[in-house]
């Protein structure tokens, strides 16, 4: 696997995951925020997901969880999602925030500081 470059620890990220029920999505969001792995999270859905799994194209209803964290907190958040999630291979995608309100980004950093 290719080694990705390190992202500066003060960079804010949005992290996306999905699950198959609103209750599970809310639980993932609340647990990540309670553990300070994320400053906040939004749950949206249902969305229709189309994907290939075990050789077949599948269509399912899912709920998205969008979490705000820092690059420094990301490894713990990824571990937490992987350990908590009931999917064999949960979607976990992190995207750097390239611009945003200074006060909001400072708040995200403060809420995820340990």
N, C-alpha and C. Protein backbone atom coordinates (compact mmCIF):
# COMPACT_ATOMS: atom_id res chain seq x y z
N UNK A 1 0.83 -1.17 0.00
CA UNK A 1 0.00 0.00 0.00
C UNK A 1 0.88 1.25 0.00
N UNK A 2 0.51 2.22 -0.81
CA UNK A 2 1.28 3.45 -0.92
C UNK A 2 1.16 4.28 0.36
N UNK A 3 2.28 4.80 0.83
CA UNK A 3 2.29 5.67 2.01
C UNK A 3 1.85 7.06 1.60
N UNK A 4 0.82 7.57 2.25
CA UNK A 4 0.33 8.91 1.96
C UNK A 4 1.13 9.93 2.75
N UNK A 5 1.27 11.14 2.23
CA UNK A 5 2.01 12.17 2.97
C UNK A 5 1.28 12.56 4.25
N UNK A 6 2.04 12.94 5.25
CA UNK A 6 1.44 13.39 6.50
C UNK A 6 0.72 14.72 6.28
N UNK A 7 -0.40 14.88 6.95
CA UNK A 7 -1.15 16.13 6.91
C UNK A 7 -0.83 16.86 8.21
N UNK A 8 -0.54 18.16 8.17
CA UNK A 8 -0.25 18.89 9.41
C UNK A 8 -1.36 18.66 10.45
N UNK A 9 -0.95 18.48 11.71
CA UNK A 9 -1.90 18.09 12.74
C UNK A 9 -2.96 19.13 13.03
N UNK A 10 -2.73 20.40 12.66
CA UNK A 10 -3.73 21.42 12.95
C UNK A 10 -4.77 21.56 11.82
N UNK A 11 -4.65 20.78 10.77
CA UNK A 11 -5.60 20.82 9.67
C UNK A 11 -6.93 20.19 10.11
N UNK A 12 -8.03 20.82 9.76
CA UNK A 12 -9.36 20.29 10.05
C UNK A 12 -9.79 19.40 8.89
N UNK A 13 -10.43 18.29 9.23
CA UNK A 13 -10.91 17.33 8.25
C UNK A 13 -12.41 17.13 8.40
N UNK A 14 -13.07 16.81 7.29
CA UNK A 14 -14.41 16.25 7.36
C UNK A 14 -14.26 14.76 7.06
N UNK A 15 -14.91 13.94 7.84
CA UNK A 15 -14.79 12.49 7.70
C UNK A 15 -16.18 11.93 7.47
N UNK A 16 -16.33 11.16 6.39
CA UNK A 16 -17.61 10.60 6.01
C UNK A 16 -17.63 9.10 6.29
N UNK A 17 -18.72 8.65 6.88
CA UNK A 17 -18.99 7.22 6.98
C UNK A 17 -20.48 7.02 6.74
N UNK A 18 -20.88 5.79 6.50
CA UNK A 18 -22.29 5.47 6.27
C UNK A 18 -22.64 4.22 7.07
N UNK A 19 -23.94 4.07 7.33
CA UNK A 19 -24.44 2.88 7.99
C UNK A 19 -25.88 2.65 7.55
N UNK A 20 -26.44 1.52 7.95
CA UNK A 20 -27.72 1.11 7.39
C UNK A 20 -28.96 1.49 8.20
N UNK A 21 -28.83 2.33 9.22
CA UNK A 21 -30.02 2.81 9.93
C UNK A 21 -29.75 4.17 10.56
N UNK A 22 -30.84 4.91 10.76
CA UNK A 22 -30.72 6.21 11.40
C UNK A 22 -30.22 6.08 12.83
N UNK A 23 -30.67 5.07 13.54
CA UNK A 23 -30.23 4.87 14.93
C UNK A 23 -28.74 4.58 15.01
N UNK A 24 -28.23 3.73 14.11
CA UNK A 24 -26.80 3.43 14.10
C UNK A 24 -25.99 4.68 13.74
N UNK A 25 -26.49 5.46 12.80
CA UNK A 25 -25.79 6.69 12.41
C UNK A 25 -25.73 7.66 13.59
N UNK A 26 -26.84 7.84 14.26
CA UNK A 26 -26.88 8.73 15.42
C UNK A 26 -25.93 8.22 16.52
N UNK A 27 -25.89 6.93 16.73
CA UNK A 27 -25.00 6.35 17.73
C UNK A 27 -23.53 6.58 17.37
N UNK A 28 -23.18 6.40 16.09
CA UNK A 28 -21.81 6.68 15.65
C UNK A 28 -21.46 8.15 15.88
N UNK A 29 -22.38 9.03 15.52
CA UNK A 29 -22.14 10.47 15.68
C UNK A 29 -21.98 10.84 17.15
N UNK A 30 -22.89 10.40 17.98
CA UNK A 30 -22.85 10.74 19.41
C UNK A 30 -21.61 10.16 20.09
N UNK A 31 -21.26 8.93 19.75
CA UNK A 31 -20.10 8.29 20.37
C UNK A 31 -18.80 8.97 20.00
N UNK A 32 -18.66 9.36 18.74
CA UNK A 32 -17.43 10.03 18.30
C UNK A 32 -17.28 11.39 18.97
N UNK A 33 -18.39 12.13 19.10
CA UNK A 33 -18.33 13.44 19.75
C UNK A 33 -18.08 13.28 21.25
N UNK A 34 -18.75 12.33 21.89
CA UNK A 34 -18.57 12.10 23.32
C UNK A 34 -17.12 11.75 23.65
N UNK A 35 -16.47 10.98 22.76
CA UNK A 35 -15.07 10.58 22.96
C UNK A 35 -14.08 11.67 22.55
N UNK A 36 -14.58 12.78 22.04
CA UNK A 36 -13.77 13.91 21.56
C UNK A 36 -12.91 13.54 20.34
N UNK A 37 -13.33 12.50 19.62
CA UNK A 37 -12.67 12.17 18.36
C UNK A 37 -13.16 13.12 17.26
N UNK A 38 -14.33 13.71 17.46
CA UNK A 38 -14.91 14.67 16.52
C UNK A 38 -15.53 15.80 17.32
N UNK A 39 -15.53 16.99 16.76
CA UNK A 39 -16.14 18.14 17.42
C UNK A 39 -17.65 18.12 17.25
N UNK A 40 -18.09 17.67 16.09
CA UNK A 40 -19.52 17.59 15.81
C UNK A 40 -19.73 16.63 14.66
N UNK A 41 -20.99 16.30 14.44
CA UNK A 41 -21.33 15.39 13.35
C UNK A 41 -22.74 15.69 12.88
N UNK A 42 -22.97 15.51 11.60
CA UNK A 42 -24.31 15.60 11.06
C UNK A 42 -24.69 14.24 10.48
N UNK A 43 -25.95 13.89 10.70
CA UNK A 43 -26.50 12.66 10.14
C UNK A 43 -27.50 13.06 9.07
N UNK A 44 -27.37 12.48 7.89
CA UNK A 44 -28.33 12.75 6.83
C UNK A 44 -28.71 11.45 6.15
N UNK A 45 -29.89 11.45 5.60
CA UNK A 45 -30.34 10.26 4.90
C UNK A 45 -31.85 10.14 5.01
N UNK A 46 -32.36 9.12 4.44
CA UNK A 46 -31.60 8.06 3.79
C UNK A 46 -31.08 8.49 2.42
N UNK A 47 -29.98 7.87 2.04
CA UNK A 47 -29.41 8.02 0.71
C UNK A 47 -29.41 6.64 0.07
N UNK A 48 -29.37 6.60 -1.24
CA UNK A 48 -29.29 5.33 -1.95
C UNK A 48 -27.84 5.08 -2.31
N UNK A 49 -27.31 3.98 -1.86
CA UNK A 49 -25.93 3.60 -2.17
C UNK A 49 -25.94 2.43 -3.14
N UNK A 50 -25.14 2.56 -4.18
CA UNK A 50 -24.98 1.50 -5.17
C UNK A 50 -23.51 1.13 -5.18
N UNK A 51 -23.20 -0.14 -4.96
CA UNK A 51 -21.81 -0.57 -4.83
C UNK A 51 -21.67 -2.04 -5.20
N UNK A 52 -20.43 -2.43 -5.46
CA UNK A 52 -20.13 -3.83 -5.73
C UNK A 52 -19.63 -4.44 -4.43
N UNK A 53 -20.22 -5.55 -4.03
CA UNK A 53 -19.80 -6.24 -2.81
C UNK A 53 -19.88 -7.73 -3.04
N UNK A 54 -18.77 -8.39 -2.81
CA UNK A 54 -18.66 -9.84 -2.98
C UNK A 54 -19.15 -10.27 -4.36
N UNK A 55 -18.75 -9.51 -5.39
CA UNK A 55 -19.01 -9.88 -6.77
C UNK A 55 -20.35 -9.48 -7.33
N UNK A 56 -21.20 -8.83 -6.55
CA UNK A 56 -22.52 -8.45 -7.04
C UNK A 56 -22.74 -6.95 -6.83
N UNK A 57 -23.49 -6.36 -7.75
CA UNK A 57 -23.88 -4.96 -7.60
C UNK A 57 -25.09 -4.93 -6.67
N UNK A 58 -24.98 -4.11 -5.64
CA UNK A 58 -26.00 -4.05 -4.59
C UNK A 58 -26.50 -2.61 -4.46
N UNK A 59 -27.77 -2.46 -4.16
CA UNK A 59 -28.36 -1.16 -3.89
C UNK A 59 -29.01 -1.23 -2.51
N UNK A 60 -28.63 -0.28 -1.64
CA UNK A 60 -29.16 -0.25 -0.28
C UNK A 60 -29.45 1.18 0.14
N UNK A 61 -30.29 1.30 1.14
CA UNK A 61 -30.53 2.58 1.78
C UNK A 61 -29.53 2.72 2.93
N UNK A 62 -28.89 3.89 3.02
CA UNK A 62 -27.93 4.14 4.09
C UNK A 62 -28.11 5.55 4.62
N UNK A 63 -27.50 5.79 5.77
CA UNK A 63 -27.46 7.11 6.38
C UNK A 63 -26.01 7.54 6.44
N UNK A 64 -25.76 8.80 6.11
CA UNK A 64 -24.40 9.34 6.12
C UNK A 64 -24.14 10.06 7.43
N UNK A 65 -22.92 9.91 7.92
CA UNK A 65 -22.47 10.64 9.09
C UNK A 65 -21.25 11.44 8.65
N UNK A 66 -21.32 12.77 8.78
CA UNK A 66 -20.22 13.65 8.42
C UNK A 66 -19.67 14.23 9.71
N UNK A 67 -18.43 13.86 10.03
CA UNK A 67 -17.79 14.26 11.28
C UNK A 67 -16.72 15.30 11.02
N UNK A 68 -16.56 16.25 11.94
CA UNK A 68 -15.51 17.26 11.84
C UNK A 68 -14.47 16.97 12.89
N UNK A 69 -13.20 16.88 12.46
CA UNK A 69 -12.11 16.55 13.36
C UNK A 69 -10.84 17.22 12.87
N UNK A 70 -9.73 16.90 13.50
CA UNK A 70 -8.43 17.40 13.06
C UNK A 70 -7.59 16.23 12.57
N UNK A 71 -6.55 16.56 11.83
CA UNK A 71 -5.63 15.52 11.36
C UNK A 71 -5.00 14.80 12.54
N UNK A 72 -4.75 15.53 13.62
CA UNK A 72 -4.18 14.93 14.82
C UNK A 72 -5.13 13.91 15.46
N UNK A 73 -6.43 14.19 15.42
CA UNK A 73 -7.42 13.30 16.02
C UNK A 73 -7.90 12.22 15.07
N UNK A 74 -7.56 12.35 13.79
CA UNK A 74 -8.08 11.40 12.80
C UNK A 74 -7.73 9.93 13.10
N UNK A 75 -6.49 9.58 13.44
CA UNK A 75 -6.20 8.15 13.67
C UNK A 75 -7.11 7.53 14.74
N UNK A 76 -7.36 8.26 15.82
CA UNK A 76 -8.23 7.74 16.88
C UNK A 76 -9.66 7.62 16.39
N UNK A 77 -10.12 8.60 15.59
CA UNK A 77 -11.47 8.53 15.03
C UNK A 77 -11.61 7.34 14.09
N UNK A 78 -10.64 7.15 13.21
CA UNK A 78 -10.70 6.01 12.29
C UNK A 78 -10.74 4.69 13.06
N UNK A 79 -9.88 4.55 14.07
CA UNK A 79 -9.88 3.33 14.89
C UNK A 79 -11.23 3.14 15.56
N UNK A 80 -11.78 4.24 16.11
CA UNK A 80 -13.05 4.16 16.81
C UNK A 80 -14.17 3.73 15.87
N UNK A 81 -14.23 4.32 14.67
CA UNK A 81 -15.26 3.93 13.70
C UNK A 81 -15.08 2.46 13.32
N UNK A 82 -13.86 2.06 13.01
CA UNK A 82 -13.60 0.67 12.61
C UNK A 82 -14.00 -0.30 13.71
N UNK A 83 -13.68 0.01 14.96
CA UNK A 83 -13.99 -0.88 16.08
C UNK A 83 -15.48 -0.89 16.42
N UNK A 84 -16.17 0.23 16.20
CA UNK A 84 -17.56 0.37 16.60
C UNK A 84 -18.53 -0.06 15.51
N UNK A 85 -18.16 0.15 14.27
CA UNK A 85 -19.04 -0.07 13.13
C UNK A 85 -19.32 -1.55 12.95
N UNK A 86 -20.52 -1.88 12.48
CA UNK A 86 -20.85 -3.29 12.27
C UNK A 86 -20.64 -3.76 10.83
N UNK A 87 -20.17 -2.87 9.94
CA UNK A 87 -19.83 -3.31 8.58
C UNK A 87 -18.46 -3.97 8.59
N UNK A 88 -18.25 -4.94 7.70
CA UNK A 88 -16.93 -5.57 7.55
C UNK A 88 -15.90 -4.54 7.10
N UNK A 89 -16.30 -3.69 6.15
CA UNK A 89 -15.42 -2.66 5.60
C UNK A 89 -16.19 -1.34 5.56
N UNK A 90 -16.23 -0.62 6.68
CA UNK A 90 -16.99 0.63 6.67
C UNK A 90 -16.32 1.69 5.80
N UNK A 91 -17.15 2.50 5.17
CA UNK A 91 -16.64 3.65 4.43
C UNK A 91 -16.09 4.65 5.44
N UNK A 92 -14.84 5.03 5.26
CA UNK A 92 -14.23 6.08 6.08
C UNK A 92 -13.38 6.91 5.12
N UNK A 93 -13.86 8.12 4.82
CA UNK A 93 -13.18 8.99 3.87
C UNK A 93 -12.94 10.33 4.54
N UNK A 94 -11.70 10.76 4.58
CA UNK A 94 -11.34 12.05 5.18
C UNK A 94 -10.95 13.04 4.09
N UNK A 95 -11.49 14.24 4.19
CA UNK A 95 -11.20 15.30 3.24
C UNK A 95 -10.71 16.53 4.00
N UNK A 96 -9.56 17.08 3.64
CA UNK A 96 -9.09 18.29 4.32
C UNK A 96 -10.00 19.48 4.02
N UNK A 97 -10.22 20.29 5.02
CA UNK A 97 -10.95 21.55 4.85
C UNK A 97 -9.92 22.58 4.40
N UNK A 98 -10.07 23.09 3.20
CA UNK A 98 -9.07 24.02 2.67
C UNK A 98 -9.39 25.47 3.03
N UNK A 99 -10.64 25.77 3.34
CA UNK A 99 -11.02 27.11 3.77
C UNK A 99 -12.20 26.96 4.71
N UNK A 100 -12.32 27.91 5.63
CA UNK A 100 -13.46 27.90 6.54
C UNK A 100 -13.35 29.07 7.50
N UNK A 101 -14.42 29.30 8.21
CA UNK A 101 -14.44 30.35 9.21
C UNK A 101 -13.36 30.10 10.25
N UNK A 102 -12.53 31.11 10.51
CA UNK A 102 -11.46 30.98 11.48
C UNK A 102 -12.00 30.54 12.84
N UNK A 103 -13.08 31.17 13.29
CA UNK A 103 -13.64 30.84 14.60
C UNK A 103 -14.16 29.40 14.64
N UNK A 104 -14.81 28.96 13.57
CA UNK A 104 -15.33 27.59 13.53
C UNK A 104 -14.19 26.58 13.55
N UNK A 105 -13.18 26.80 12.73
CA UNK A 105 -12.05 25.86 12.68
C UNK A 105 -11.30 25.83 14.00
N UNK A 106 -11.19 26.97 14.65
CA UNK A 106 -10.56 27.02 15.99
C UNK A 106 -11.40 26.22 16.98
N UNK A 107 -12.73 26.32 16.88
CA UNK A 107 -13.62 25.57 17.75
C UNK A 107 -13.45 24.06 17.54
N UNK A 108 -13.36 23.62 16.29
CA UNK A 108 -13.14 22.19 16.00
C UNK A 108 -11.85 21.72 16.67
N UNK A 109 -10.80 22.50 16.53
CA UNK A 109 -9.51 22.13 17.15
C UNK A 109 -9.64 22.05 18.67
N UNK A 110 -10.34 23.01 19.27
CA UNK A 110 -10.49 23.02 20.73
C UNK A 110 -11.32 21.83 21.21
N UNK A 111 -12.37 21.48 20.48
CA UNK A 111 -13.26 20.39 20.91
C UNK A 111 -12.64 19.01 20.75
N UNK A 112 -11.64 18.89 19.91
CA UNK A 112 -11.00 17.59 19.71
C UNK A 112 -9.65 17.48 20.43
N UNK A 113 -9.24 18.57 21.08
CA UNK A 113 -7.97 18.55 21.82
C UNK A 113 -8.12 17.67 23.04
N UNK A 114 -7.07 16.90 23.29
CA UNK A 114 -7.13 15.99 24.44
C UNK A 114 -6.11 16.37 25.47
